[in-house]
Amino acid sequence: MTMTDPTFQPKVYKTDGGDRLVITSGGSIDIETGAIISVNGTQGAALTAQLTTITHTAPGTPDYAIQNLVQNTGFGFATADEGNTLLKVVANLQTRLAEVEARLEAVGMVAAN
């Protein structure tokens, strides 16, 4: 006769007759090198390739309240800081999306470009 420990609570287990995998607080899934995550046997397609990262001059004072564009200046913004702030935000988005893409590729969620 085998005794089971009623206090044993695994952090990863199957339920619903094996149809559902549950990861509780403190549990994890470890994706080893070379493994992928797929849906119906198919890995997600690679993301659209990133364009060259924008370079910009940092704004003297960040101005996140962009006014209507004006046509009487060379840069079209009410102030140079508004234009530089927009470029800084776009560059930050490029960096952050590249980081997300790298992490998705690292765990096999999407194919590498």
N, C-alpha and C. Protein backbone atom coordinates (compact mmCIF):
# COMPACT_ATOMS: atom_id res chain seq x y z
N MET A 1 0.85 -1.18 0.00
CA MET A 1 0.00 0.00 0.00
C MET A 1 0.89 1.23 0.00
N THR A 2 0.60 2.18 -0.84
CA THR A 2 1.39 3.41 -0.92
C THR A 2 0.65 4.52 -0.19
N MET A 3 1.41 5.28 0.54
CA MET A 3 0.84 6.42 1.25
C MET A 3 1.14 7.68 0.44
N THR A 4 0.18 8.55 0.31
CA THR A 4 0.42 9.82 -0.36
C THR A 4 0.41 10.92 0.68
N ASP A 5 1.16 11.96 0.41
CA ASP A 5 1.27 13.10 1.33
C ASP A 5 0.18 14.10 0.98
N PRO A 6 -0.85 14.26 1.83
CA PRO A 6 -1.94 15.19 1.52
C PRO A 6 -1.51 16.66 1.55
N THR A 7 -0.32 16.94 2.08
CA THR A 7 0.15 18.33 2.13
C THR A 7 0.93 18.71 0.88
N PHE A 8 1.24 17.71 0.03
CA PHE A 8 2.00 17.99 -1.19
C PHE A 8 1.13 18.76 -2.17
N GLN A 9 1.55 19.95 -2.55
CA GLN A 9 0.80 20.80 -3.48
C GLN A 9 1.72 21.22 -4.62
N PRO A 10 1.72 20.51 -5.75
CA PRO A 10 2.59 20.90 -6.85
C PRO A 10 2.19 22.27 -7.41
N LYS A 11 3.17 22.99 -7.92
CA LYS A 11 2.91 24.32 -8.48
C LYS A 11 2.56 24.25 -9.96
N VAL A 12 2.83 23.10 -10.58
CA VAL A 12 2.46 22.87 -11.97
C VAL A 12 1.76 21.52 -12.02
N TYR A 13 0.55 21.49 -12.55
CA TYR A 13 -0.18 20.23 -12.61
C TYR A 13 -1.19 20.26 -13.76
N LYS A 14 -1.65 19.06 -14.14
CA LYS A 14 -2.68 18.93 -15.17
C LYS A 14 -4.02 18.73 -14.48
N THR A 15 -5.07 19.25 -15.11
CA THR A 15 -6.42 19.10 -14.60
C THR A 15 -7.36 18.84 -15.77
N ASP A 16 -8.63 18.70 -15.51
CA ASP A 16 -9.64 18.45 -16.56
C ASP A 16 -9.25 17.24 -17.42
N GLY A 17 -8.86 16.17 -16.76
CA GLY A 17 -8.49 14.96 -17.49
C GLY A 17 -7.25 15.12 -18.34
N GLY A 18 -6.37 16.03 -17.96
CA GLY A 18 -5.14 16.27 -18.71
C GLY A 18 -5.28 17.30 -19.81
N ASP A 19 -6.48 17.90 -19.93
CA ASP A 19 -6.72 18.88 -20.99
C ASP A 19 -6.23 20.28 -20.65
N ARG A 20 -5.88 20.51 -19.41
CA ARG A 20 -5.48 21.86 -19.00
C ARG A 20 -4.25 21.76 -18.10
N LEU A 21 -3.26 22.60 -18.37
CA LEU A 21 -2.05 22.70 -17.55
C LEU A 21 -2.18 23.94 -16.69
N VAL A 22 -2.01 23.78 -15.37
CA VAL A 22 -2.16 24.89 -14.43
C VAL A 22 -0.80 25.18 -13.81
N ILE A 23 -0.42 26.45 -13.79
CA ILE A 23 0.79 26.89 -13.11
C ILE A 23 0.34 27.82 -12.00
N THR A 24 0.54 27.42 -10.77
CA THR A 24 0.11 28.24 -9.64
C THR A 24 1.21 29.21 -9.23
N SER A 25 0.89 30.08 -8.30
CA SER A 25 1.86 31.07 -7.81
C SER A 25 3.15 30.38 -7.37
N GLY A 26 4.26 30.86 -7.88
CA GLY A 26 5.56 30.28 -7.55
C GLY A 26 6.01 29.22 -8.53
N GLY A 27 5.11 28.75 -9.40
CA GLY A 27 5.48 27.76 -10.40
C GLY A 27 6.03 28.44 -11.64
N SER A 28 6.60 27.67 -12.54
CA SER A 28 7.15 28.25 -13.77
C SER A 28 7.20 27.20 -14.86
N ILE A 29 7.33 27.68 -16.09
CA ILE A 29 7.59 26.82 -17.24
C ILE A 29 8.97 27.20 -17.73
N ASP A 30 9.83 26.23 -17.90
CA ASP A 30 11.19 26.47 -18.36
C ASP A 30 11.30 26.00 -19.81
N ILE A 31 11.52 26.94 -20.72
CA ILE A 31 11.68 26.62 -22.13
C ILE A 31 13.18 26.47 -22.39
N GLU A 32 13.61 25.27 -22.71
CA GLU A 32 15.03 25.04 -22.93
C GLU A 32 15.45 25.49 -24.32
N THR A 33 16.75 25.73 -24.49
CA THR A 33 17.31 26.16 -25.76
C THR A 33 16.88 25.23 -26.88
N GLY A 34 16.41 25.82 -27.97
CA GLY A 34 16.00 25.04 -29.13
C GLY A 34 14.52 24.69 -29.14
N ALA A 35 13.85 24.84 -28.00
CA ALA A 35 12.42 24.54 -27.93
C ALA A 35 11.62 25.73 -28.45
N ILE A 36 10.41 25.49 -28.91
CA ILE A 36 9.53 26.58 -29.35
C ILE A 36 8.16 26.40 -28.71
N ILE A 37 7.38 27.45 -28.70
CA ILE A 37 5.98 27.40 -28.31
C ILE A 37 5.19 27.55 -29.59
N SER A 38 4.25 26.65 -29.81
CA SER A 38 3.51 26.69 -31.07
C SER A 38 2.01 26.57 -30.81
N VAL A 39 1.24 26.98 -31.80
CA VAL A 39 -0.20 26.81 -31.79
C VAL A 39 -0.53 25.88 -32.95
N ASN A 40 -1.17 24.76 -32.65
CA ASN A 40 -1.47 23.74 -33.66
C ASN A 40 -0.22 23.33 -34.43
N GLY A 41 0.91 23.27 -33.73
CA GLY A 41 2.16 22.83 -34.33
C GLY A 41 2.89 23.88 -35.14
N THR A 42 2.41 25.10 -35.13
CA THR A 42 3.03 26.16 -35.94
C THR A 42 3.53 27.28 -35.05
N GLN A 43 4.81 27.63 -35.23
CA GLN A 43 5.40 28.76 -34.51
C GLN A 43 4.92 30.06 -35.15
N GLY A 44 4.71 31.09 -34.32
CA GLY A 44 4.31 32.40 -34.83
C GLY A 44 5.34 32.94 -35.81
N ALA A 45 4.89 33.69 -36.79
CA ALA A 45 5.79 34.27 -37.79
C ALA A 45 6.68 35.34 -37.16
N ALA A 46 7.80 35.60 -37.79
CA ALA A 46 8.71 36.64 -37.31
C ALA A 46 8.02 38.00 -37.42
N LEU A 47 8.34 38.89 -36.50
CA LEU A 47 7.80 40.25 -36.54
C LEU A 47 8.40 41.00 -37.73
N THR A 48 7.74 42.06 -38.16
CA THR A 48 8.27 42.91 -39.22
C THR A 48 9.64 43.42 -38.80
N ALA A 49 10.58 43.42 -39.73
CA ALA A 49 11.94 43.86 -39.41
C ALA A 49 11.95 45.30 -38.91
N GLN A 50 12.80 45.55 -37.93
CA GLN A 50 12.93 46.89 -37.36
C GLN A 50 13.67 47.80 -38.34
N LEU A 51 13.22 49.04 -38.45
CA LEU A 51 13.93 50.03 -39.24
C LEU A 51 15.13 50.53 -38.45
N THR A 52 16.00 51.28 -39.10
CA THR A 52 17.12 51.89 -38.41
C THR A 52 16.60 52.77 -37.29
N THR A 53 17.23 52.68 -36.14
CA THR A 53 16.81 53.48 -34.99
C THR A 53 17.03 54.95 -35.26
N ILE A 54 16.04 55.75 -34.91
CA ILE A 54 16.13 57.20 -35.08
C ILE A 54 17.17 57.77 -34.13
N THR A 55 17.99 58.68 -34.63
CA THR A 55 18.87 59.45 -33.75
C THR A 55 18.27 60.84 -33.63
N HIS A 56 18.49 61.47 -32.50
CA HIS A 56 17.84 62.75 -32.27
C HIS A 56 18.63 63.55 -31.25
N THR A 57 18.34 64.82 -31.21
CA THR A 57 18.89 65.70 -30.18
C THR A 57 17.94 65.66 -29.00
N ALA A 58 18.46 65.43 -27.82
CA ALA A 58 17.60 65.40 -26.63
C ALA A 58 17.00 66.78 -26.40
N PRO A 59 15.73 66.84 -26.01
CA PRO A 59 15.12 68.15 -25.76
C PRO A 59 15.75 68.80 -24.54
N GLY A 60 15.90 70.13 -24.58
CA GLY A 60 16.41 70.84 -23.41
C GLY A 60 15.47 70.64 -22.24
N THR A 61 14.19 70.81 -22.48
CA THR A 61 13.14 70.55 -21.50
C THR A 61 12.09 69.72 -22.20
N PRO A 62 11.89 68.46 -21.79
CA PRO A 62 10.87 67.64 -22.46
C PRO A 62 9.52 68.36 -22.47
N ASP A 63 8.87 68.36 -23.63
CA ASP A 63 7.59 69.05 -23.80
C ASP A 63 6.60 68.04 -24.37
N TYR A 64 5.88 67.34 -23.48
CA TYR A 64 4.98 66.27 -23.90
C TYR A 64 3.61 66.78 -24.34
N ALA A 65 3.34 68.06 -24.16
CA ALA A 65 2.07 68.66 -24.60
C ALA A 65 2.28 69.26 -25.98
N ILE A 66 2.29 68.41 -27.01
CA ILE A 66 2.55 68.86 -28.38
C ILE A 66 1.36 69.68 -28.87
N GLN A 67 1.64 70.88 -29.36
CA GLN A 67 0.60 71.76 -29.90
C GLN A 67 0.36 71.42 -31.37
N ASN A 68 -0.62 72.08 -31.97
CA ASN A 68 -0.83 71.90 -33.40
C ASN A 68 0.44 72.24 -34.15
N LEU A 69 0.71 71.50 -35.22
CA LEU A 69 1.89 71.78 -36.03
C LEU A 69 1.75 73.14 -36.69
N VAL A 70 2.86 73.82 -36.80
CA VAL A 70 2.85 75.13 -37.46
C VAL A 70 3.68 75.04 -38.73
N GLN A 71 3.40 75.87 -39.70
CA GLN A 71 4.09 75.80 -40.97
C GLN A 71 5.07 76.94 -41.16
N ASN A 72 5.18 77.82 -40.17
CA ASN A 72 6.06 78.98 -40.36
C ASN A 72 7.46 78.76 -39.79
N THR A 73 7.78 77.54 -39.43
CA THR A 73 9.13 77.23 -38.93
C THR A 73 9.67 76.03 -39.68
N GLY A 74 10.96 75.86 -39.61
CA GLY A 74 11.60 74.76 -40.33
C GLY A 74 11.23 73.39 -39.82
N PHE A 75 10.91 73.28 -38.54
CA PHE A 75 10.63 71.95 -37.99
C PHE A 75 9.15 71.67 -37.79
N GLY A 76 8.27 72.62 -38.01
CA GLY A 76 6.83 72.39 -37.97
C GLY A 76 6.22 72.28 -36.59
N PHE A 77 7.01 72.27 -35.54
CA PHE A 77 6.49 72.24 -34.18
C PHE A 77 6.54 73.65 -33.61
N ALA A 78 5.74 73.90 -32.59
CA ALA A 78 5.74 75.23 -31.97
C ALA A 78 7.09 75.54 -31.35
N THR A 79 7.77 74.50 -30.84
CA THR A 79 9.12 74.68 -30.28
C THR A 79 9.99 73.50 -30.70
N ALA A 80 11.28 73.71 -30.71
CA ALA A 80 12.22 72.63 -31.02
C ALA A 80 12.10 71.52 -29.99
N ASP A 81 11.86 71.87 -28.71
CA ASP A 81 11.73 70.86 -27.67
C ASP A 81 10.55 69.93 -27.93
N GLU A 82 9.45 70.46 -28.50
CA GLU A 82 8.32 69.59 -28.83
C GLU A 82 8.75 68.55 -29.87
N GLY A 83 9.42 68.98 -30.91
CA GLY A 83 9.88 68.05 -31.94
C GLY A 83 10.87 67.04 -31.40
N ASN A 84 11.83 67.51 -30.60
CA ASN A 84 12.82 66.60 -30.02
C ASN A 84 12.18 65.63 -29.02
N THR A 85 11.15 66.09 -28.31
CA THR A 85 10.44 65.20 -27.39
C THR A 85 9.76 64.08 -28.15
N LEU A 86 9.10 64.42 -29.26
CA LEU A 86 8.45 63.40 -30.07
C LEU A 86 9.47 62.39 -30.58
N LEU A 87 10.60 62.86 -31.06
CA LEU A 87 11.64 61.95 -31.54
C LEU A 87 12.15 61.06 -30.41
N LYS A 88 12.28 61.61 -29.22
CA LYS A 88 12.74 60.82 -28.07
C LYS A 88 11.73 59.72 -27.75
N VAL A 89 10.43 60.05 -27.80
CA VAL A 89 9.40 59.06 -27.52
C VAL A 89 9.42 57.96 -28.59
N VAL A 90 9.54 58.32 -29.85
CA VAL A 90 9.59 57.33 -30.93
C VAL A 90 10.82 56.44 -30.76
N ALA A 91 11.96 57.02 -30.46
CA ALA A 91 13.18 56.23 -30.26
C ALA A 91 13.01 55.27 -29.08
N ASN A 92 12.36 55.73 -28.01
CA ASN A 92 12.11 54.87 -26.85
C ASN A 92 11.19 53.71 -27.23
N LEU A 93 10.17 53.98 -28.03
CA LEU A 93 9.28 52.91 -28.48
C LEU A 93 10.03 51.89 -29.32
N GLN A 94 10.93 52.37 -30.19
CA GLN A 94 11.73 51.45 -30.99
C GLN A 94 12.56 50.54 -30.09
N THR A 95 13.19 51.12 -29.10
CA THR A 95 14.03 50.34 -28.18
C THR A 95 13.19 49.31 -27.43
N ARG A 96 12.07 49.75 -26.89
CA ARG A 96 11.23 48.85 -26.10
C ARG A 96 10.66 47.72 -26.95
N LEU A 97 10.22 48.01 -28.18
CA LEU A 97 9.69 46.96 -29.03
C LEU A 97 10.79 45.98 -29.42
N ALA A 98 11.99 46.48 -29.67
CA ALA A 98 13.12 45.59 -29.98
C ALA A 98 13.39 44.65 -28.80
N GLU A 99 13.26 45.16 -27.58
CA GLU A 99 13.46 44.32 -26.39
C GLU A 99 12.37 43.24 -26.30
N VAL A 100 11.12 43.61 -26.59
CA VAL A 100 10.02 42.64 -26.58
C VAL A 100 10.28 41.57 -27.64
N GLU A 101 10.66 42.00 -28.84
CA GLU A 101 10.93 41.06 -29.92
C GLU A 101 12.04 40.09 -29.53
N ALA A 102 13.11 40.60 -28.95
CA ALA A 102 14.23 39.75 -28.55
C ALA A 102 13.78 38.71 -27.52
N ARG A 103 12.94 39.12 -26.59
CA ARG A 103 12.47 38.18 -25.57
C ARG A 103 11.52 37.13 -26.17
N LEU A 104 10.66 37.54 -27.09
CA LEU A 104 9.78 36.58 -27.75
C LEU A 104 10.58 35.58 -28.58
N GLU A 105 11.61 36.07 -29.27
CA GLU A 105 12.47 35.17 -30.04
C GLU A 105 13.23 34.23 -29.12
N ALA A 106 13.70 34.74 -27.98
CA ALA A 106 14.50 33.93 -27.05
C ALA A 106 13.72 32.74 -26.50
N VAL A 107 12.41 32.89 -26.32
CA VAL A 107 11.61 31.78 -25.79
C VAL A 107 10.86 31.03 -26.88
N GLY A 108 11.15 31.35 -28.14
CA GLY A 108 10.55 30.62 -29.25
C GLY A 108 9.12 30.99 -29.58
N MET A 109 8.63 32.12 -29.07
CA MET A 109 7.26 32.55 -29.37
C MET A 109 7.13 33.01 -30.82
N VAL A 110 8.19 33.62 -31.37
CA VAL A 110 8.21 34.02 -32.78
C VAL A 110 9.57 33.64 -33.35
N ALA A 111 9.59 33.40 -34.65
CA ALA A 111 10.86 33.08 -35.31
C ALA A 111 11.72 34.34 -35.41
N ALA A 112 13.02 34.15 -35.41
CA ALA A 112 13.95 35.28 -35.54
C ALA A 112 13.94 35.79 -36.97
N ASN A 113 14.19 37.11 -37.13
CA ASN A 113 14.31 37.70 -38.47
C ASN A 113 15.62 37.28 -39.09
